[in-house]
């Protein structure tokens, strides 16, 4: 079975590597986003999937496949993919919509790996949504590609518990590994001609793209909500507040339940410290204990080291 893999970020890499090793799969091509300018020099950098594909080409003899980086899936892109004579499209976090003309290029259609328990959290940010909503469980679904976003029949799904400590970065790593383990079962079902199970569309919920300003902390909300945002927006866009006119990122925090939990102050007020839990900040509901911080353009510091360099922090107001 000739497979084209479509993906871009690191979460998709283990699934690509699995396909390269599968004996009954021939990797016909890799579809990923164009190189993106990064760093101060704005040097174009390939996606993580592109980097992984290049390593596969170096490591596995006989693996000769093109890496395609179209800006959009137009007629030229369809022509390039059609020339690969693919049977199946496997997609994971590619970031582009597959239209009917594109999907028609694949004899067996396409499947998509989605890191949520569909039909819950259809859309581009299901991992962040699960953390923001403080879910106790989440999962991974492998579904058939359909014209409506994330609405295809389900081939396989796996649920797993959350600890409440995950960041988007750490949960993405977990999802990446689990998805690669699940993928062979979905491929076997495709080969066997199984249709999958229809989703209950009446239970669908949706998540949307995240913007940089979503990371701005609103101290008029509760400590539990802010703590969840800090985890959901790590590693991007990171949660930030303002201290003395400077952007201050809060990288790690927890809802404070210590002896000073009944203290009250102005919203955003740095109340002081708890030697075990960190810097205490007043919110509308409860106190946030901050453990790791970073001024914009500076290195990340644990709270003790941060306070050594910012003597006037206690008693200040974070905006």
C-alpha atoms as a PDB file:
ATOM      1  CA  UNK A   1       0.000   0.000   0.000  1.00  0.00           C
ATOM      2  CA  UNK A   2       1.526   3.289  -1.131  1.00  0.00           C
ATOM      3  CA  UNK A   3       1.034   6.007   1.490  1.00  0.00           C
ATOM      4  CA  UNK A   4       1.527   9.757   1.391  1.00  0.00           C
ATOM      5  CA  UNK A   5       2.052  11.211   4.866  1.00  0.00           C
ATOM      6  CA  UNK A   6       0.948  14.792   5.566  1.00  0.00           C
ATOM      7  CA  UNK A   7       2.127  16.546   8.707  1.00  0.00           C
ATOM      8  CA  UNK A   8       4.268  19.404   9.964  1.00  0.00           C
ATOM      9  CA  UNK A   9       4.969  19.712  13.733  1.00  0.00           C
ATOM     10  CA  UNK A  10       6.867  17.401  16.067  1.00  0.00           C
ATOM     11  CA  UNK A  11       3.730  15.623  17.275  1.00  0.00           C
ATOM     12  CA  UNK A  12       3.467  13.945  13.849  1.00  0.00           C
ATOM     13  CA  UNK A  13       7.056  12.662  13.678  1.00  0.00           C
ATOM     14  CA  UNK A  14       6.639   9.288  15.479  1.00  0.00           C
ATOM     15  CA  UNK A  15       3.764   8.370  13.139  1.00  0.00           C
ATOM     16  CA  UNK A  16       5.906   9.181  10.101  1.00  0.00           C
ATOM     17  CA  UNK A  17       8.742   7.085  11.510  1.00  0.00           C
ATOM     18  CA  UNK A  18       6.321   4.202  12.085  1.00  0.00           C
ATOM     19  CA  UNK A  19       5.180   4.295   8.465  1.00  0.00           C
ATOM     20  CA  UNK A  20       8.777   4.191   7.273  1.00  0.00           C
ATOM     21  CA  UNK A  21       9.316   0.938   9.222  1.00  0.00           C
ATOM     22  CA  UNK A  22       6.033  -0.827   8.382  1.00  0.00           C
ATOM     23  CA  UNK A  23       6.750  -3.790   6.097  1.00  0.00           C
ATOM     24  CA  UNK A  24       3.413  -3.632   4.271  1.00  0.00           C
ATOM     25  CA  UNK A  25       3.651   0.127   3.681  1.00  0.00           C
ATOM     26  CA  UNK A  26       5.559   1.917   0.959  1.00  0.00           C
ATOM     27  CA  UNK A  27       6.084   5.554   1.837  1.00  0.00           C
ATOM     28  CA  UNK A  28       5.345   7.243  -1.480  1.00  0.00           C
ATOM     29  CA  UNK A  29       5.881  10.825  -0.356  1.00  0.00           C
ATOM     30  CA  UNK A  30       5.771  13.319   2.487  1.00  0.00           C
ATOM     31  CA  UNK A  31       3.641  16.448   2.424  1.00  0.00           C
ATOM     32  CA  UNK A  32       4.568  19.236   4.827  1.00  0.00           C
ATOM     33  CA  UNK A  33       4.422  23.000   5.215  1.00  0.00           C
ATOM     34  CA  UNK A  34       6.982  25.278   3.516  1.00  0.00           C
ATOM     35  CA  UNK A  35      10.104  26.343   5.394  1.00  0.00           C
ATOM     36  CA  UNK A  36       9.451  29.195   7.825  1.00  0.00           C
ATOM     37  CA  UNK A  37      11.817  32.107   8.610  1.00  0.00           C
ATOM     38  CA  UNK A  38      12.972  31.855  12.237  1.00  0.00           C
ATOM     39  CA  UNK A  39      15.410  33.549  14.563  1.00  0.00           C
ATOM     40  CA  UNK A  40      16.923  36.996  14.370  1.00  0.00           C
ATOM     41  CA  UNK A  41      18.363  36.310  10.953  1.00  0.00           C
ATOM     42  CA  UNK A  42      14.983  35.035   9.672  1.00  0.00           C
ATOM     43  CA  UNK A  43      16.689  31.970   8.229  1.00  0.00           C
ATOM     44  CA  UNK A  44      14.190  29.586   6.600  1.00  0.00           C
ATOM     45  CA  UNK A  45      13.816  26.459   8.730  1.00  0.00           C
ATOM     46  CA  UNK A  46      12.089  23.216   7.702  1.00  0.00           C
ATOM     47  CA  UNK A  47       9.251  21.697   9.692  1.00  0.00           C
ATOM     48  CA  UNK A  48       9.993  18.939  12.188  1.00  0.00           C
ATOM     49  CA  UNK A  49       8.322  16.458   9.830  1.00  0.00           C
ATOM     50  CA  UNK A  50      10.581  17.570   6.981  1.00  0.00           C
ATOM     51  CA  UNK A  51      13.656  17.113   9.178  1.00  0.00           C
ATOM     52  CA  UNK A  52      12.472  13.646  10.187  1.00  0.00           C
ATOM     53  CA  UNK A  53      11.797  12.700   6.562  1.00  0.00           C
ATOM     54  CA  UNK A  54      15.332  13.728   5.581  1.00  0.00           C
ATOM     55  CA  UNK A  55      16.751  11.513   8.343  1.00  0.00           C
ATOM     56  CA  UNK A  56      14.613   8.601   7.149  1.00  0.00           C
ATOM     57  CA  UNK A  57      15.994   9.008   3.635  1.00  0.00           C
ATOM     58  CA  UNK A  58      19.502   8.850   5.075  1.00  0.00           C
ATOM     59  CA  UNK A  59      18.899   5.914   7.426  1.00  0.00           C
ATOM     60  CA  UNK A  60      16.753   3.521   5.423  1.00  0.00           C
ATOM     61  CA  UNK A  61      18.120   2.108   2.197  1.00  0.00           C
ATOM     62  CA  UNK A  62      15.571   1.924  -0.573  1.00  0.00           C
ATOM     63  CA  UNK A  63      13.434   4.697   0.912  1.00  0.00           C
ATOM     64  CA  UNK A  64      13.332   7.088  -1.985  1.00  0.00           C
ATOM     65  CA  UNK A  65      10.402   9.472  -1.728  1.00  0.00           C
ATOM     66  CA  UNK A  66       9.898  13.177  -2.437  1.00  0.00           C
ATOM     67  CA  UNK A  67       9.242  15.772   0.264  1.00  0.00           C
ATOM     68  CA  UNK A  68       6.623  18.191  -1.040  1.00  0.00           C
ATOM     69  CA  UNK A  69       6.167  21.642   0.514  1.00  0.00           C
ATOM     70  CA  UNK A  70       3.334  23.371  -1.357  1.00  0.00           C
ATOM     71  CA  UNK A  71       2.029  26.683  -0.072  1.00  0.00           C
ATOM     72  CA  UNK A  72      -1.477  25.471  -0.909  1.00  0.00           C
ATOM     73  CA  UNK A  73      -3.035  22.323  -2.330  1.00  0.00           C
ATOM     74  CA  UNK A  74      -3.690  23.733  -5.786  1.00  0.00           C
ATOM     75  CA  UNK A  75      -3.619  22.116  -9.231  1.00  0.00           C
ATOM     76  CA  UNK A  76       0.190  21.915  -9.232  1.00  0.00           C
ATOM     77  CA  UNK A  77       0.240  20.195  -5.858  1.00  0.00           C
ATOM     78  CA  UNK A  78      -2.418  17.734  -7.021  1.00  0.00           C
ATOM     79  CA  UNK A  79      -0.357  16.977 -10.111  1.00  0.00           C
ATOM     80  CA  UNK A  80       2.736  16.298  -7.987  1.00  0.00           C
ATOM     81  CA  UNK A  81       0.841  14.009  -5.615  1.00  0.00           C
ATOM     82  CA  UNK A  82      -0.951  12.191  -8.429  1.00  0.00           C
ATOM     83  CA  UNK A  83       2.409  11.317  -9.984  1.00  0.00           C
ATOM     84  CA  UNK A  84       3.230   9.337  -6.819  1.00  0.00           C
ATOM     85  CA  UNK A  85       0.352   6.911  -7.557  1.00  0.00           C
ATOM     86  CA  UNK A  86      -0.710   6.864  -3.884  1.00  0.00           C
ATOM     87  CA  UNK A  87      -3.270   4.514  -2.345  1.00  0.00           C
ATOM     88  CA  UNK A  88      -3.821   6.235   1.010  1.00  0.00           C
ATOM     89  CA  UNK A  89      -3.303   9.621   2.643  1.00  0.00           C
ATOM     90  CA  UNK A  90      -2.304   9.624   6.325  1.00  0.00           C
ATOM     91  CA  UNK A  91      -2.571  13.050   7.947  1.00  0.00           C
ATOM     92  CA  UNK A  92      -1.523  14.316  11.372  1.00  0.00           C
ATOM     93  CA  UNK A  93      -1.454  18.040  12.169  1.00  0.00           C
ATOM     94  CA  UNK A  94      -0.756  19.080   8.598  1.00  0.00           C
ATOM     95  CA  UNK A  95      -2.702  22.325   8.904  1.00  0.00           C
ATOM     96  CA  UNK A  96      -4.428  22.402   5.506  1.00  0.00           C
ATOM     97  CA  UNK A  97      -7.921  21.419   4.396  1.00  0.00           C
ATOM     98  CA  UNK A  98      -8.120  18.514   1.949  1.00  0.00           C
ATOM     99  CA  UNK A  99     -10.689  19.259  -0.761  1.00  0.00           C
ATOM    100  CA  UNK A 100     -12.596  16.632  -2.771  1.00  0.00           C
ATOM    101  CA  UNK A 101     -10.289  16.965  -5.803  1.00  0.00           C
ATOM    102  CA  UNK A 102      -7.257  16.276  -3.634  1.00  0.00           C
ATOM    103  CA  UNK A 103      -8.787  13.324  -1.763  1.00  0.00           C
ATOM    104  CA  UNK A 104      -9.898  11.818  -5.078  1.00  0.00           C
ATOM    105  CA  UNK A 105      -6.205  11.196  -5.852  1.00  0.00           C
ATOM    106  CA  UNK A 106      -6.128   8.410  -3.240  1.00  0.00           C
ATOM    107  CA  UNK A 107      -7.663   5.048  -4.123  1.00  0.00           C
ATOM    108  CA  UNK A 108      -8.400   4.259  -0.468  1.00  0.00           C
ATOM    109  CA  UNK A 109      -9.118   7.835   0.626  1.00  0.00           C
ATOM    110  CA  UNK A 110      -7.451   9.285   3.682  1.00  0.00           C
ATOM    111  CA  UNK A 111      -7.215   8.932   7.450  1.00  0.00           C
ATOM    112  CA  UNK A 112      -6.484  11.587  10.048  1.00  0.00           C
ATOM    113  CA  UNK A 113      -4.953  11.307  13.514  1.00  0.00           C
ATOM    114  CA  UNK A 114      -6.641  13.691  15.953  1.00  0.00           C
ATOM    115  CA  UNK A 115      -5.520  14.112  19.602  1.00  0.00           C
ATOM    116  CA  UNK A 116      -8.946  14.163  21.243  1.00  0.00           C
ATOM    117  CA  UNK A 117     -11.864  11.795  21.767  1.00  0.00           C
ATOM    118  CA  UNK A 118     -13.972  12.759  18.772  1.00  0.00           C
ATOM    119  CA  UNK A 119     -16.529  14.198  18.374  1.00  0.00           C
ATOM    120  CA  UNK A 120     -15.192  16.252  21.299  1.00  0.00           C
ATOM    121  CA  UNK A 121     -12.842  19.107  20.400  1.00  0.00           C
ATOM    122  CA  UNK A 122     -12.944  19.065  16.637  1.00  0.00           C
ATOM    123  CA  UNK A 123     -10.570  21.683  15.270  1.00  0.00           C
ATOM    124  CA  UNK A 124      -6.928  22.754  15.394  1.00  0.00           C
ATOM    125  CA  UNK A 125      -6.185  22.923  19.149  1.00  0.00           C
ATOM    126  CA  UNK A 126      -7.682  19.891  20.936  1.00  0.00           C
ATOM    127  CA  UNK A 127      -4.737  19.425  23.298  1.00  0.00           C
ATOM    128  CA  UNK A 128      -4.911  23.012  24.528  1.00  0.00           C
ATOM    129  CA  UNK A 129      -8.705  22.736  24.846  1.00  0.00           C
ATOM    130  CA  UNK A 130      -8.456  19.667  27.082  1.00  0.00           C
ATOM    131  CA  UNK A 131      -6.005  21.451  29.386  1.00  0.00           C
ATOM    132  CA  UNK A 132      -7.936  24.737  29.444  1.00  0.00           C
ATOM    133  CA  UNK A 133     -11.119  22.906  30.409  1.00  0.00           C
ATOM    134  CA  UNK A 134      -9.282  20.863  33.041  1.00  0.00           C
ATOM    135  CA  UNK A 135     -10.414  17.564  31.607  1.00  0.00           C
ATOM    136  CA  UNK A 136      -9.770  14.422  33.640  1.00  0.00           C
ATOM    137  CA  UNK A 137      -9.369  12.291  30.517  1.00  0.00           C
ATOM    138  CA  UNK A 138      -8.560  12.842  26.880  1.00  0.00           C
ATOM    139  CA  UNK A 139      -7.522  10.601  24.026  1.00  0.00           C
ATOM    140  CA  UNK A 140      -6.586  10.041  20.405  1.00  0.00           C
ATOM    141  CA  UNK A 141      -8.891   9.237  17.520  1.00  0.00           C
ATOM    142  CA  UNK A 142      -7.936   7.951  14.087  1.00  0.00           C
ATOM    143  CA  UNK A 143     -10.748   8.723  11.683  1.00  0.00           C
ATOM    144  CA  UNK A 144     -11.456   8.656   7.996  1.00  0.00           C
ATOM    145  CA  UNK A 145     -11.020  12.017   6.308  1.00  0.00           C
ATOM    146  CA  UNK A 146     -14.321  13.692   5.434  1.00  0.00           C
ATOM    147  CA  UNK A 147     -15.274  17.014   3.909  1.00  0.00           C
ATOM    148  CA  UNK A 148     -16.489  18.425   7.222  1.00  0.00           C
ATOM    149  CA  UNK A 149     -13.640  19.025   9.656  1.00  0.00           C
ATOM    150  CA  UNK A 150     -12.870  16.061  11.940  1.00  0.00           C
ATOM    151  CA  UNK A 151     -16.260  14.489  11.227  1.00  0.00           C
ATOM    152  CA  UNK A 152     -15.178  11.224   9.579  1.00  0.00           C
ATOM    153  CA  UNK A 153     -15.988   7.702  10.687  1.00  0.00           C
ATOM    154  CA  UNK A 154     -13.813   6.478  13.559  1.00  0.00           C
ATOM    155  CA  UNK A 155     -11.421   3.600  12.880  1.00  0.00           C
ATOM    156  CA  UNK A 156      -9.866   3.422  16.343  1.00  0.00           C
ATOM    157  CA  UNK A 157      -9.674   5.533  19.511  1.00  0.00           C
ATOM    158  CA  UNK A 158      -7.874   5.369  22.832  1.00  0.00           C
ATOM    159  CA  UNK A 159      -8.702   7.174  26.070  1.00  0.00           C
ATOM    160  CA  UNK A 160      -6.182   7.999  28.784  1.00  0.00           C
ATOM    161  CA  UNK A 161      -6.243   9.870  32.089  1.00  0.00           C
ATOM    162  CA  UNK A 162      -4.702  13.273  32.737  1.00  0.00           C
ATOM    163  CA  UNK A 163      -2.822  14.169  35.905  1.00  0.00           C
ATOM    164  CA  UNK A 164      -3.676  17.875  35.838  1.00  0.00           C
ATOM    165  CA  UNK A 165       0.011  18.745  35.505  1.00  0.00           C
ATOM    166  CA  UNK A 166       0.377  18.412  31.725  1.00  0.00           C
ATOM    167  CA  UNK A 167       1.450  21.289  29.522  1.00  0.00           C
ATOM    168  CA  UNK A 168       0.666  21.383  25.822  1.00  0.00           C
ATOM    169  CA  UNK A 169       4.293  20.426  25.242  1.00  0.00           C
ATOM    170  CA  UNK A 170       4.276  17.369  27.508  1.00  0.00           C
ATOM    171  CA  UNK A 171       0.806  16.202  26.435  1.00  0.00           C
ATOM    172  CA  UNK A 172       1.790  16.535  22.777  1.00  0.00           C
ATOM    173  CA  UNK A 173       4.733  14.198  23.403  1.00  0.00           C
ATOM    174  CA  UNK A 174       2.420  11.646  25.020  1.00  0.00           C
ATOM    175  CA  UNK A 175      -0.090  11.901  22.172  1.00  0.00           C
ATOM    176  CA  UNK A 176       2.655  11.575  19.553  1.00  0.00           C
ATOM    177  CA  UNK A 177       3.889   8.280  20.995  1.00  0.00           C
ATOM    178  CA  UNK A 178       0.417   6.816  21.545  1.00  0.00           C
ATOM    179  CA  UNK A 179      -0.712   7.747  18.030  1.00  0.00           C
ATOM    180  CA  UNK A 180       2.209   5.879  16.473  1.00  0.00           C
ATOM    181  CA  UNK A 181       1.290   2.761  18.448  1.00  0.00           C
ATOM    182  CA  UNK A 182      -2.345   3.018  17.311  1.00  0.00           C
ATOM    183  CA  UNK A 183      -1.650   3.660  13.636  1.00  0.00           C
ATOM    184  CA  UNK A 184      -0.962   0.050  12.541  1.00  0.00           C
ATOM    185  CA  UNK A 185      -4.405  -1.050  13.731  1.00  0.00           C
ATOM    186  CA  UNK A 186      -6.050   1.683  11.657  1.00  0.00           C
ATOM    187  CA  UNK A 187      -4.001   0.679   8.615  1.00  0.00           C
ATOM    188  CA  UNK A 188      -5.068  -2.956   9.017  1.00  0.00           C
ATOM    189  CA  UNK A 189      -8.706  -1.874   9.075  1.00  0.00           C
ATOM    190  CA  UNK A 190      -8.222   0.161   5.903  1.00  0.00           C
ATOM    191  CA  UNK A 191      -6.621  -2.814   4.155  1.00  0.00           C
ATOM    192  CA  UNK A 192      -9.517  -5.003   5.278  1.00  0.00           C
ATOM    193  CA  UNK A 193     -12.030  -2.538   3.834  1.00  0.00           C
ATOM    194  CA  UNK A 194     -13.608  -1.651   7.193  1.00  0.00           C
ATOM    195  CA  UNK A 195     -15.741   1.478   7.182  1.00  0.00           C
ATOM    196  CA  UNK A 196     -15.353   2.574  10.799  1.00  0.00           C
ATOM    197  CA  UNK A 197     -17.983   3.836  13.231  1.00  0.00           C
ATOM    198  CA  UNK A 198     -19.985   6.980  12.547  1.00  0.00           C
ATOM    199  CA  UNK A 199     -19.539   9.809  15.029  1.00  0.00           C
ATOM    200  CA  UNK A 200     -22.436  11.133  17.087  1.00  0.00           C
ATOM    201  CA  UNK A 201     -22.472  14.555  15.444  1.00  0.00           C
ATOM    202  CA  UNK A 202     -24.990  15.891  17.991  1.00  0.00           C
ATOM    203  CA  UNK A 203     -22.239  15.708  20.638  1.00  0.00           C
ATOM    204  CA  UNK A 204     -19.616  17.585  18.618  1.00  0.00           C
ATOM    205  CA  UNK A 205     -17.703  20.426  20.250  1.00  0.00           C
ATOM    206  CA  UNK A 206     -15.099  22.654  18.646  1.00  0.00           C
ATOM    207  CA  UNK A 207     -11.825  24.400  19.448  1.00  0.00           C
ATOM    208  CA  UNK A 208     -10.303  27.330  17.608  1.00  0.00           C
ATOM    209  CA  UNK A 209      -6.906  28.694  16.664  1.00  0.00           C
ATOM    210  CA  UNK A 210      -4.868  30.255  19.465  1.00  0.00           C
ATOM    211  CA  UNK A 211      -3.590  33.805  19.111  1.00  0.00           C
ATOM    212  CA  UNK A 212      -0.582  35.377  20.804  1.00  0.00           C
ATOM    213  CA  UNK A 213      -2.741  37.674  22.924  1.00  0.00           C
ATOM    214  CA  UNK A 214      -4.663  34.706  24.327  1.00  0.00           C
ATOM    215  CA  UNK A 215      -1.714  34.321  26.674  1.00  0.00           C
ATOM    216  CA  UNK A 216      -2.358  37.632  28.459  1.00  0.00           C
ATOM    217  CA  UNK A 217      -3.246  36.885  32.087  1.00  0.00           C
ATOM    218  CA  UNK A 218      -6.442  38.408  33.429  1.00  0.00           C
ATOM    219  CA  UNK A 219      -6.145  38.610  37.203  1.00  0.00           C
ATOM    220  CA  UNK A 220      -9.913  39.152  37.385  1.00  0.00           C
ATOM    221  CA  UNK A 221     -10.288  35.414  36.786  1.00  0.00           C
ATOM    222  CA  UNK A 222      -9.607  32.640  39.269  1.00  0.00           C
ATOM    223  CA  UNK A 223      -6.335  30.933  40.144  1.00  0.00           C
ATOM    224  CA  UNK A 224      -7.488  27.573  38.750  1.00  0.00           C
ATOM    225  CA  UNK A 225      -8.353  29.115  35.375  1.00  0.00           C
ATOM    226  CA  UNK A 226      -5.054  31.012  35.185  1.00  0.00           C
ATOM    227  CA  UNK A 227      -3.057  27.927  36.149  1.00  0.00           C
ATOM    228  CA  UNK A 228      -4.737  25.940  33.371  1.00  0.00           C
ATOM    229  CA  UNK A 229      -3.942  28.689  30.849  1.00  0.00           C
ATOM    230  CA  UNK A 230      -0.297  28.673  31.907  1.00  0.00           C
ATOM    231  CA  UNK A 231      -0.090  24.948  31.126  1.00  0.00           C
ATOM    232  CA  UNK A 232      -2.191  25.130  27.943  1.00  0.00           C
ATOM    233  CA  UNK A 233      -0.142  27.969  26.441  1.00  0.00           C
ATOM    234  CA  UNK A 234       3.237  26.396  27.131  1.00  0.00           C
ATOM    235  CA  UNK A 235       5.300  26.291  24.900  1.00  0.00           C
ATOM    236  CA  UNK A 236       3.310  28.877  22.872  1.00  0.00           C
ATOM    237  CA  UNK A 237       2.281  31.664  23.182  1.00  0.00           C
ATOM    238  CA  UNK A 238       3.169  31.487  26.898  1.00  0.00           C
ATOM    239  CA  UNK A 239       1.156  33.329  29.544  1.00  0.00           C
ATOM    240  CA  UNK A 240       2.313  36.824  30.329  1.00  0.00           C
ATOM    241  CA  UNK A 241       1.558  39.765  32.563  1.00  0.00           C
ATOM    242  CA  UNK A 242       3.109  43.230  33.008  1.00  0.00           C
ATOM    243  CA  UNK A 243       5.482  44.154  35.842  1.00  0.00           C
ATOM    244  CA  UNK A 244       6.784  47.717  35.959  1.00  0.00           C
ATOM    245  CA  UNK A 245       6.078  48.135  32.257  1.00  0.00           C
ATOM    246  CA  UNK A 246       7.880  44.935  31.238  1.00  0.00           C
ATOM    247  CA  UNK A 247       6.421  41.736  29.813  1.00  0.00           C
ATOM    248  CA  UNK A 248       6.757  38.965  32.388  1.00  0.00           C
ATOM    249  CA  UNK A 249       6.070  35.366  31.379  1.00  0.00           C
ATOM    250  CA  UNK A 250       4.799  32.951  33.990  1.00  0.00           C
ATOM    251  CA  UNK A 251       5.975  29.488  33.006  1.00  0.00           C
ATOM    252  CA  UNK A 252       4.932  27.357  35.955  1.00  0.00           C
ATOM    253  CA  UNK A 253       2.399  27.887  38.722  1.00  0.00           C
ATOM    254  CA  UNK A 254      -0.160  26.127  40.909  1.00  0.00           C
ATOM    255  CA  UNK A 255      -3.316  26.932  42.826  1.00  0.00           C
ATOM    256  CA  UNK A 256      -2.131  27.811  46.320  1.00  0.00           C
ATOM    257  CA  UNK A 257      -3.623  25.882  49.230  1.00  0.00           C
ATOM    258  CA  UNK A 258      -1.117  26.761  51.949  1.00  0.00           C
ATOM    259  CA  UNK A 259      -1.412  28.591  55.248  1.00  0.00           C
ATOM    260  CA  UNK A 260      -1.802  32.029  53.647  1.00  0.00           C
ATOM    261  CA  UNK A 261      -4.618  30.891  51.332  1.00  0.00           C
ATOM    262  CA  UNK A 262      -7.120  33.115  53.166  1.00  0.00           C
ATOM    263  CA  UNK A 263      -5.098  36.295  52.557  1.00  0.00           C
ATOM    264  CA  UNK A 264      -6.829  38.935  50.459  1.00  0.00           C
ATOM    265  CA  UNK A 265      -5.433  41.767  48.418  1.00  0.00           C
ATOM    266  CA  UNK A 266      -5.849  43.792  45.253  1.00  0.00           C
ATOM    267  CA  UNK A 267      -6.134  41.701  42.102  1.00  0.00           C
ATOM    268  CA  UNK A 268      -2.662  41.014  40.694  1.00  0.00           C
ATOM    269  CA  UNK A 269      -1.002  41.963  43.986  1.00  0.00           C
ATOM    270  CA  UNK A 270       2.180  40.042  44.810  1.00  0.00           C
ATOM    271  CA  UNK A 271       1.320  39.090  48.385  1.00  0.00           C
ATOM    272  CA  UNK A 272       4.698  37.636  49.264  1.00  0.00           C
ATOM    273  CA  UNK A 273       6.160  34.154  49.232  1.00  0.00           C
ATOM    274  CA  UNK A 274       5.617  30.698  50.605  1.00  0.00           C
ATOM    275  CA  UNK A 275       9.021  29.054  51.072  1.00  0.00           C
ATOM    276  CA  UNK A 276       7.658  25.779  49.761  1.00  0.00           C
ATOM    277  CA  UNK A 277       5.243  26.896  47.041  1.00  0.00           C
ATOM    278  CA  UNK A 278       6.691  30.088  45.573  1.00  0.00           C
ATOM    279  CA  UNK A 279       5.532  33.652  44.884  1.00  0.00           C
ATOM    280  CA  UNK A 280       1.913  34.312  45.865  1.00  0.00           C
ATOM    281  CA  UNK A 281      -0.304  36.441  43.611  1.00  0.00           C
ATOM    282  CA  UNK A 282      -3.904  37.453  44.321  1.00  0.00           C
ATOM    283  CA  UNK A 283      -6.595  36.514  41.804  1.00  0.00           C
ATOM    284  CA  UNK A 284     -10.352  36.997  41.870  1.00  0.00           C
ATOM    285  CA  UNK A 285     -10.793  33.490  43.228  1.00  0.00           C
ATOM    286  CA  UNK A 286      -7.880  32.166  45.214  1.00  0.00           C
ATOM    287  CA  UNK A 287      -4.126  32.690  45.143  1.00  0.00           C
ATOM    288  CA  UNK A 288      -1.722  31.639  42.414  1.00  0.00           C
ATOM    289  CA  UNK A 289       1.628  30.233  43.534  1.00  0.00           C
ATOM    290  CA  UNK A 290       4.224  31.066  40.892  1.00  0.00           C
ATOM    291  CA  UNK A 291       7.288  28.837  40.601  1.00  0.00           C
ATOM    292  CA  UNK A 292       9.010  29.852  37.356  1.00  0.00           C
ATOM    293  CA  UNK A 293       9.144  33.245  35.608  1.00  0.00           C
ATOM    294  CA  UNK A 294      10.894  34.967  32.743  1.00  0.00           C
ATOM    295  CA  UNK A 295      11.199  38.588  31.669  1.00  0.00           C
ATOM    296  CA  UNK A 296      10.921  39.016  27.914  1.00  0.00           C
ATOM    297  CA  UNK A 297      14.372  38.615  26.383  1.00  0.00           C
ATOM    298  CA  UNK A 298      15.843  37.127  29.568  1.00  0.00           C
ATOM    299  CA  UNK A 299      16.329  33.545  30.708  1.00  0.00           C
ATOM    300  CA  UNK A 300      13.743  31.583  32.673  1.00  0.00           C
ATOM    301  CA  UNK A 301      14.318  31.504  36.442  1.00  0.00           C
ATOM    302  CA  UNK A 302      12.881  29.645  39.380  1.00  0.00           C
ATOM    303  CA  UNK A 303      11.206  31.979  41.833  1.00  0.00           C
ATOM    304  CA  UNK A 304      14.034  32.153  44.387  1.00  0.00           C
ATOM    305  CA  UNK A 305      16.591  33.171  41.742  1.00  0.00           C
ATOM    306  CA  UNK A 306      14.118  35.601  40.203  1.00  0.00           C
ATOM    307  CA  UNK A 307      13.564  37.401  43.500  1.00  0.00           C
ATOM    308  CA  UNK A 308      17.313  37.705  44.065  1.00  0.00           C
ATOM    309  CA  UNK A 309      17.425  40.029  41.069  1.00  0.00           C
ATOM    310  CA  UNK A 310      14.048  41.783  41.535  1.00  0.00           C
ATOM    311  CA  UNK A 311      14.042  43.098  45.083  1.00  0.00           C
ATOM    312  CA  UNK A 312      10.874  45.189  44.718  1.00  0.00           C
ATOM    313  CA  UNK A 313       8.659  42.378  43.440  1.00  0.00           C
ATOM    314  CA  UNK A 314       6.715  41.672  46.636  1.00  0.00           C
ATOM    315  CA  UNK A 315       4.000  44.267  47.087  1.00  0.00           C
ATOM    316  CA  UNK A 316       3.925  45.199  43.391  1.00  0.00           C
ATOM    317  CA  UNK A 317       0.853  44.915  41.161  1.00  0.00           C
ATOM    318  CA  UNK A 318       0.906  42.706  38.101  1.00  0.00           C
ATOM    319  CA  UNK A 319      -1.246  44.092  35.319  1.00  0.00           C
END
